[in-house]
């Protein structure tokens, strides 16, 4: 079964200007080659911003993941079976950041959620679409 090639980088810093600014995702339905995803923040700590991401098939995408509250979070993408991990980044505290480069080799729609116990049940879930 085709999965994606993972190229995880160690925890690194996001572009400094992006740390305190709102997330600006690519326009809906438009694939991105660089994506910034925030976890938590505001009154609801159990969410992603943006909750949906679209990327292009067989094209490396750089994902920047940042924690906007004091709770640990993961951004974990699963294959259709819900158990095979395709991508994973972890942040541990407010201001923590992680980045990774991922290449998705199978078009489709995948779910991502936080694997910290309880977070998925509280609604920390999202959708990743891989387009040809």
Protein backbone atom coordinates (compact mmCIF):
# COMPACT_ATOMS: atom_id res chain seq x y z
CA UNK A 1 0.00 0.00 0.00
CA UNK A 2 1.32 3.39 -0.93
CA UNK A 3 1.83 5.69 1.97
CA UNK A 4 3.76 8.85 2.20
CA UNK A 5 7.41 9.39 2.69
CA UNK A 6 8.04 11.10 5.99
CA UNK A 7 10.76 13.62 6.37
CA UNK A 8 10.31 14.79 9.93
CA UNK A 9 12.53 17.56 11.14
CA UNK A 10 13.34 18.11 14.79
CA UNK A 11 11.42 20.80 16.59
CA UNK A 12 12.37 24.04 14.92
CA UNK A 13 11.24 27.61 15.00
CA UNK A 14 8.58 28.96 12.68
CA UNK A 15 9.17 32.18 10.84
CA UNK A 16 9.25 34.68 13.69
CA UNK A 17 6.63 36.94 12.12
CA UNK A 18 4.13 34.09 11.98
CA UNK A 19 4.35 33.15 15.65
CA UNK A 20 1.90 35.74 16.97
CA UNK A 21 -0.13 36.38 13.84
CA UNK A 22 -3.32 34.61 12.79
CA UNK A 23 -2.97 31.59 10.55
CA UNK A 24 -3.47 32.40 6.89
CA UNK A 25 -4.27 29.19 5.04
CA UNK A 26 -4.29 28.92 1.28
CA UNK A 27 -7.67 29.70 -0.30
CA UNK A 28 -10.21 26.89 0.13
CA UNK A 29 -9.61 24.09 -2.32
CA UNK A 30 -6.22 25.44 -3.41
CA UNK A 31 -3.28 23.12 -2.70
CA UNK A 32 -0.51 24.52 -0.52
CA UNK A 33 3.21 23.77 -0.45
CA UNK A 34 3.65 25.45 2.96
CA UNK A 35 0.98 25.15 5.65
CA UNK A 36 0.86 26.63 9.15
CA UNK A 37 -1.47 24.89 11.58
CA UNK A 38 -2.18 26.19 15.07
CA UNK A 39 -3.50 24.08 17.93
CA UNK A 40 -5.58 25.58 20.69
CA UNK A 41 -5.81 29.21 21.62
CA UNK A 42 -8.86 31.34 22.38
CA UNK A 43 -11.57 29.86 24.62
CA UNK A 44 -11.54 26.46 22.89
CA UNK A 45 -8.16 24.75 23.36
CA UNK A 46 -9.24 21.62 21.46
CA UNK A 47 -9.19 22.75 17.83
CA UNK A 48 -6.96 23.29 14.81
CA UNK A 49 -6.73 26.46 12.77
CA UNK A 50 -7.31 25.80 9.94
CA UNK A 51 -9.34 22.59 10.39
CA UNK A 52 -9.01 21.65 6.70
CA UNK A 53 -5.88 21.55 4.55
CA UNK A 54 -5.46 20.81 0.84
CA UNK A 55 -2.12 19.69 -0.61
CA UNK A 56 -0.95 18.44 -4.00
CA UNK A 57 -0.19 14.79 -4.73
CA UNK A 58 3.53 13.82 -4.86
CA UNK A 59 4.60 17.35 -3.94
CA UNK A 60 6.53 18.01 -0.72
CA UNK A 61 4.57 20.17 1.71
CA UNK A 62 6.23 21.91 4.63
CA UNK A 63 3.95 21.85 7.69
CA UNK A 64 4.56 24.28 10.55
CA UNK A 65 2.67 23.34 13.72
CA UNK A 66 2.40 25.77 16.63
CA UNK A 67 0.84 25.53 20.11
CA UNK A 68 -1.30 28.52 21.11
CA UNK A 69 -2.08 27.39 24.68
CA UNK A 70 -0.53 25.56 27.65
CA UNK A 71 -1.80 22.08 26.68
CA UNK A 72 0.23 19.48 24.74
CA UNK A 73 -0.99 18.75 21.19
CA UNK A 74 -0.19 16.53 18.22
CA UNK A 75 -1.03 16.94 14.54
CA UNK A 76 -1.32 13.34 13.40
CA UNK A 77 -2.59 12.36 9.94
CA UNK A 78 -4.07 8.88 9.58
CA UNK A 79 -4.69 6.68 6.55
CA UNK A 80 -8.28 5.58 5.88
CA UNK A 81 -7.97 2.75 8.40
CA UNK A 82 -7.60 5.25 11.25
CA UNK A 83 -4.58 3.43 12.66
CA UNK A 84 -1.77 3.94 10.13
CA UNK A 85 0.05 7.21 10.85
CA UNK A 86 1.01 9.12 7.70
CA UNK A 87 2.41 12.25 9.37
CA UNK A 88 2.99 13.41 12.93
CA UNK A 89 4.18 16.57 14.69
CA UNK A 90 4.08 17.28 18.44
CA UNK A 91 4.14 20.50 20.47
CA UNK A 92 4.28 20.58 24.25
CA UNK A 93 3.50 24.08 25.50
CA UNK A 94 2.40 27.54 24.49
CA UNK A 95 4.68 28.93 21.83
CA UNK A 96 6.20 25.53 21.06
CA UNK A 97 6.66 24.87 17.35
CA UNK A 98 7.45 21.87 15.17
CA UNK A 99 7.98 21.53 11.43
CA UNK A 100 8.13 18.65 9.01
CA UNK A 101 8.20 18.02 5.28
CA UNK A 102 5.73 15.44 4.00
CA UNK A 103 5.01 14.01 0.54
CA UNK A 104 1.62 12.36 0.13
CA UNK A 105 1.69 9.70 -2.59
CA UNK A 106 -1.99 8.75 -2.66
CA UNK A 107 -4.83 11.14 -3.56
CA UNK A 108 -7.79 11.22 -1.21
CA UNK A 109 -9.18 12.67 1.97
CA UNK A 110 -7.53 11.86 5.29
CA UNK A 111 -8.41 12.69 8.86
CA UNK A 112 -6.02 14.25 11.33
CA UNK A 113 -6.51 14.52 15.06
CA UNK A 114 -4.67 15.09 18.31
CA UNK A 115 -3.54 11.80 19.85
CA UNK A 116 -3.30 13.21 23.39
CA UNK A 117 -5.93 11.26 25.39
CA UNK A 118 -9.32 13.00 25.29
CA UNK A 119 -8.44 15.68 22.72
CA UNK A 120 -10.07 13.95 19.74
CA UNK A 121 -13.26 13.45 21.77
CA UNK A 122 -13.31 17.16 22.59
CA UNK A 123 -13.25 17.96 18.86
CA UNK A 124 -9.56 18.41 18.01
CA UNK A 125 -9.94 16.91 14.54
CA UNK A 126 -9.47 18.04 10.95
CA UNK A 127 -9.31 16.96 7.32
CA UNK A 128 -6.43 16.78 4.85
CA UNK A 129 -7.24 16.51 1.13
CA UNK A 130 -4.57 15.37 -1.33
CA UNK A 131 -5.39 16.43 -4.90
CA UNK A 132 -3.82 15.26 -8.18
